[in-house]
Amino acid sequence: MSTNNETLTSQPVRGRRQLSALPNLLTYGRIAAVPLFVACFYIEGQTARWLALAIFVVACITDYLDGYLARVFDQQSSLGRMLDPIADKLLVAAALLALTYVGTIGGVTIWAALVILSREILVSGLREFLAEVRVSVPVSRLAKWKTAIQMVAIGFLVVGPAGDKLFPEPIVTWVGMAGIWVAAILTLYTGFDYFKASYRYLLDDHHHGQG
């Protein structure tokens, strides 16, 4: 039978294991990669775009790996569940803002980027609210496709002008722009699922005034 002292000492041990778990280390790396990724857009020349793409692709791969490894090695943790979506949103937001800054995303396509960014912020708030009222909204297959299309489109835009040099027409940028619009449309559709799930709870006065 465990004593109170054993229980108290086991908590920091579990905490240290959670901090150093491989899936969480991958998530830390993804967060650390964001400023390096953005720095590439301040470097002139086509090589910087290819470097930015490499960082972005590695970050996307670690996004898949940390969840996979957490399930395989049974290292799922509350810290990982908190940090993983934060890392994803930081990467997407940084990419869209950097691409807008350098002019790869411009004109009417800024609205597509704005839709994607707004959805990320709104859904984060709705997820937090739904967690408080103990309502779970599973990620749909369409939402997974939306994320995949979004990340591929951003990848095409990241390499943008450098990739266009390989073709007689700016095909790489065109594909990226088209993908961003498809992702934005799917973003509106899939985001509605969260609003629909939270609508009746948002109108419930018992849940107001929290936070």
Protein backbone atom coordinates (compact mmCIF):
# COMPACT_ATOMS: atom_id res chain seq x y z
CA MET A 1 0.00 0.00 0.00
CA SER A 2 1.45 3.38 -0.96
CA THR A 3 1.89 6.11 1.59
CA ASN A 4 1.17 9.81 1.16
CA ASN A 5 4.91 10.48 0.89
CA GLU A 6 5.22 7.97 -1.97
CA THR A 7 2.31 9.63 -3.75
CA LEU A 8 3.83 13.07 -3.36
CA THR A 9 7.24 11.99 -4.62
CA SER A 10 5.79 10.13 -7.59
CA GLN A 11 4.04 13.24 -8.93
CA PRO A 12 7.25 15.18 -9.80
CA VAL A 13 8.69 12.01 -11.35
CA ARG A 14 5.66 11.68 -13.63
CA GLY A 15 5.95 15.38 -14.37
CA ARG A 16 9.60 15.03 -15.41
CA ARG A 17 8.79 12.02 -17.57
CA GLN A 18 6.00 14.00 -19.22
CA LEU A 19 8.35 16.91 -19.93
CA SER A 20 11.01 14.66 -21.47
CA ALA A 21 8.70 12.31 -23.38
CA LEU A 22 9.75 11.97 -27.03
CA PRO A 23 6.42 13.19 -28.48
CA ASN A 24 6.66 16.33 -26.35
CA LEU A 25 10.30 16.87 -27.39
CA LEU A 26 9.15 16.84 -31.01
CA THR A 27 6.48 19.41 -30.17
CA TYR A 28 9.08 21.65 -28.48
CA GLY A 29 11.18 21.37 -31.62
CA ARG A 30 8.24 22.40 -33.80
CA ILE A 31 7.67 25.48 -31.68
CA ALA A 32 11.39 26.34 -31.76
CA ALA A 33 11.39 25.98 -35.56
CA VAL A 34 8.84 28.79 -36.01
CA PRO A 35 11.27 31.73 -35.54
CA LEU A 36 13.87 29.95 -37.72
CA PHE A 37 11.22 29.48 -40.40
CA VAL A 38 10.20 33.16 -40.29
CA ALA A 39 13.87 34.29 -40.36
CA CYS A 40 14.25 32.66 -43.79
CA PHE A 41 11.91 35.28 -45.27
CA TYR A 42 14.30 38.04 -44.23
CA ILE A 43 17.11 36.49 -46.28
CA GLU A 44 17.33 37.47 -49.92
CA GLY A 45 17.71 34.85 -52.63
CA GLN A 46 15.95 31.70 -53.73
CA THR A 47 17.94 29.39 -51.43
CA ALA A 48 16.23 30.88 -48.37
CA ARG A 49 12.83 29.83 -49.75
CA TRP A 50 14.00 26.24 -50.17
CA LEU A 51 15.39 26.32 -46.63
CA ALA A 52 12.06 27.66 -45.34
CA LEU A 53 10.28 24.83 -47.17
CA ALA A 54 12.62 22.26 -45.61
CA ILE A 55 11.92 23.61 -42.11
CA PHE A 56 8.18 23.67 -42.82
CA VAL A 57 8.14 20.08 -44.13
CA VAL A 58 10.12 18.78 -41.14
CA ALA A 59 7.74 20.60 -38.79
CA CYS A 60 4.74 19.00 -40.54
CA ILE A 61 6.34 15.55 -40.28
CA THR A 62 6.97 15.98 -36.55
CA ASP A 63 3.32 17.01 -36.17
CA TYR A 64 2.33 13.57 -37.44
CA LEU A 65 5.08 11.74 -35.57
CA ASP A 66 4.43 13.19 -32.11
CA GLY A 67 0.81 12.00 -32.14
CA TYR A 68 1.75 8.62 -33.62
CA LEU A 69 4.57 8.02 -31.12
CA ALA A 70 2.40 9.15 -28.21
CA ARG A 71 -0.13 6.45 -29.10
CA VAL A 72 2.41 3.71 -29.89
CA PHE A 73 4.49 4.22 -26.73
CA ASP A 74 1.51 5.20 -24.57
CA GLN A 75 3.06 8.59 -23.81
CA GLN A 76 -0.06 10.70 -24.27
CA SER A 77 -0.10 13.51 -21.75
CA SER A 78 -2.05 16.61 -20.80
CA LEU A 79 1.04 18.70 -21.62
CA GLY A 80 1.19 17.22 -25.11
CA ARG A 81 -2.54 17.73 -25.67
CA MET A 82 -2.11 21.38 -24.73
CA LEU A 83 1.08 22.13 -26.67
CA ASP A 84 0.35 20.21 -29.89
CA PRO A 85 -2.48 22.45 -31.18
CA ILE A 86 -0.57 25.55 -30.04
CA ALA A 87 2.47 24.47 -32.09
CA ASP A 88 0.25 23.79 -35.12
CA LYS A 89 -1.44 27.17 -34.95
CA LEU A 90 1.85 29.01 -34.42
CA LEU A 91 3.31 27.39 -37.53
CA VAL A 92 0.27 28.11 -39.72
CA ALA A 93 -0.10 31.68 -38.46
CA ALA A 94 3.61 32.41 -38.87
CA ALA A 95 3.60 31.00 -42.41
CA LEU A 96 0.54 32.96 -43.54
CA LEU A 97 1.80 36.21 -41.99
CA ALA A 98 5.31 35.78 -43.44
CA LEU A 99 3.91 34.99 -46.89
CA THR A 100 1.70 38.07 -46.73
CA TYR A 101 4.65 40.18 -45.57
CA VAL A 102 6.81 39.20 -48.56
CA GLY A 103 3.90 39.58 -50.98
CA THR A 104 3.48 35.93 -51.99
CA ILE A 105 -0.02 36.12 -50.58
CA GLY A 106 -1.62 39.34 -51.77
CA GLY A 107 -4.72 40.86 -53.29
CA VAL A 108 -7.96 38.98 -52.79
CA THR A 109 -6.12 35.87 -51.51
CA ILE A 110 -5.46 37.74 -48.26
CA TRP A 111 -9.13 37.10 -47.49
CA ALA A 112 -8.60 33.34 -47.77
CA ALA A 113 -5.64 33.59 -45.38
CA LEU A 114 -7.74 35.72 -43.02
CA VAL A 115 -10.52 33.11 -43.02
CA ILE A 116 -8.03 30.38 -42.09
CA LEU A 117 -6.44 32.46 -39.32
CA SER A 118 -9.81 33.55 -37.92
CA ARG A 119 -11.07 29.98 -37.87
CA GLU A 120 -7.99 28.80 -35.96
CA ILE A 121 -8.57 31.45 -33.27
CA LEU A 122 -12.33 30.94 -33.04
CA VAL A 123 -12.13 27.15 -32.93
CA SER A 124 -9.49 27.34 -30.18
CA GLY A 125 -11.90 29.40 -28.09
CA LEU A 126 -14.82 27.08 -28.81
CA ARG A 127 -12.74 24.00 -27.96
CA GLU A 128 -11.81 25.51 -24.61
CA PHE A 129 -15.44 26.37 -23.94
CA LEU A 130 -16.68 22.92 -24.95
CA ALA A 131 -14.04 21.30 -22.71
CA GLU A 132 -15.46 23.27 -19.77
CA VAL A 133 -18.98 21.96 -20.45
CA ARG A 134 -17.56 18.47 -21.12
CA VAL A 135 -18.59 18.26 -24.76
CA SER A 136 -16.28 16.51 -27.22
CA VAL A 137 -16.29 17.30 -30.95
CA PRO A 138 -14.36 14.60 -32.82
CA VAL A 139 -12.23 15.71 -35.75
CA SER A 140 -14.08 14.78 -38.94
CA ARG A 141 -12.43 13.20 -41.97
CA LEU A 142 -13.22 16.36 -43.95
CA ALA A 143 -11.41 18.46 -41.33
CA LYS A 144 -8.36 16.21 -41.71
CA TRP A 145 -8.48 16.70 -45.48
CA LYS A 146 -8.77 20.44 -44.91
CA THR A 147 -5.63 20.41 -42.78
CA ALA A 148 -3.73 18.32 -45.32
CA ILE A 149 -4.71 20.59 -48.24
CA GLN A 150 -3.91 23.67 -46.17
CA MET A 151 -0.41 22.49 -45.25
CA VAL A 152 0.41 21.36 -48.80
CA ALA A 153 -0.82 24.69 -50.19
CA ILE A 154 1.28 26.63 -47.68
CA GLY A 155 4.28 24.50 -48.63
CA PHE A 156 3.82 25.40 -52.31
CA LEU A 157 3.55 29.10 -51.42
CA VAL A 158 6.58 28.96 -49.13
CA VAL A 159 8.81 27.82 -51.97
CA GLY A 160 6.78 30.03 -54.33
CA PRO A 161 9.10 32.13 -56.54
CA ALA A 162 11.99 29.68 -56.13
CA GLY A 163 9.83 26.78 -57.30
CA ASP A 164 8.40 28.85 -60.17
CA LYS A 165 11.91 29.13 -61.60
CA LEU A 166 11.70 25.45 -62.53
CA PHE A 167 8.77 26.05 -64.90
CA PRO A 168 7.97 28.49 -67.73
CA GLU A 169 4.89 29.66 -65.80
CA PRO A 170 4.47 30.34 -62.04
CA ILE A 171 2.77 26.98 -61.61
CA VAL A 172 3.98 26.41 -58.06
CA THR A 173 2.48 29.68 -56.83
CA TRP A 174 -0.76 29.06 -58.74
CA VAL A 175 -1.16 25.63 -57.13
CA GLY A 176 -0.49 27.15 -53.71
CA MET A 177 -3.05 29.91 -54.24
CA ALA A 178 -5.70 27.44 -55.43
CA GLY A 179 -5.01 25.22 -52.42
CA ILE A 180 -5.35 28.12 -50.00
CA TRP A 181 -8.79 28.94 -51.42
CA VAL A 182 -9.91 25.31 -51.21
CA ALA A 183 -8.65 25.16 -47.60
CA ALA A 184 -10.46 28.42 -46.77
CA ILE A 185 -13.77 27.08 -48.12
CA LEU A 186 -13.38 23.81 -46.21
CA THR A 187 -12.37 25.86 -43.16
CA LEU A 188 -15.72 27.64 -43.14
CA TYR A 189 -17.60 24.38 -43.56
CA THR A 190 -15.73 22.38 -40.90
CA GLY A 191 -15.64 25.32 -38.47
CA PHE A 192 -19.44 25.32 -38.47
CA ASP A 193 -19.37 21.90 -36.75
CA TYR A 194 -17.79 23.48 -33.66
CA PHE A 195 -20.25 26.36 -33.66
CA LYS A 196 -23.18 23.97 -34.02
CA ALA A 197 -21.91 21.82 -31.14
CA SER A 198 -21.48 24.83 -28.84
CA TYR A 199 -24.52 26.88 -29.90
CA ARG A 200 -27.01 25.64 -27.32
CA TYR A 201 -24.40 25.84 -24.55
CA LEU A 202 -23.48 29.40 -25.51
CA LEU A 203 -27.12 30.41 -25.00
CA ASP A 204 -27.26 28.70 -21.60
CA ASP A 205 -27.02 31.35 -18.88
CA HIS A 206 -25.61 28.77 -16.45
CA HIS A 207 -22.32 28.80 -18.36
CA HIS A 208 -22.01 32.54 -18.75
CA GLY A 209 -19.53 34.63 -16.81
CA GLN A 210 -16.80 31.99 -16.66
CA GLY A 211 -13.17 32.61 -17.63
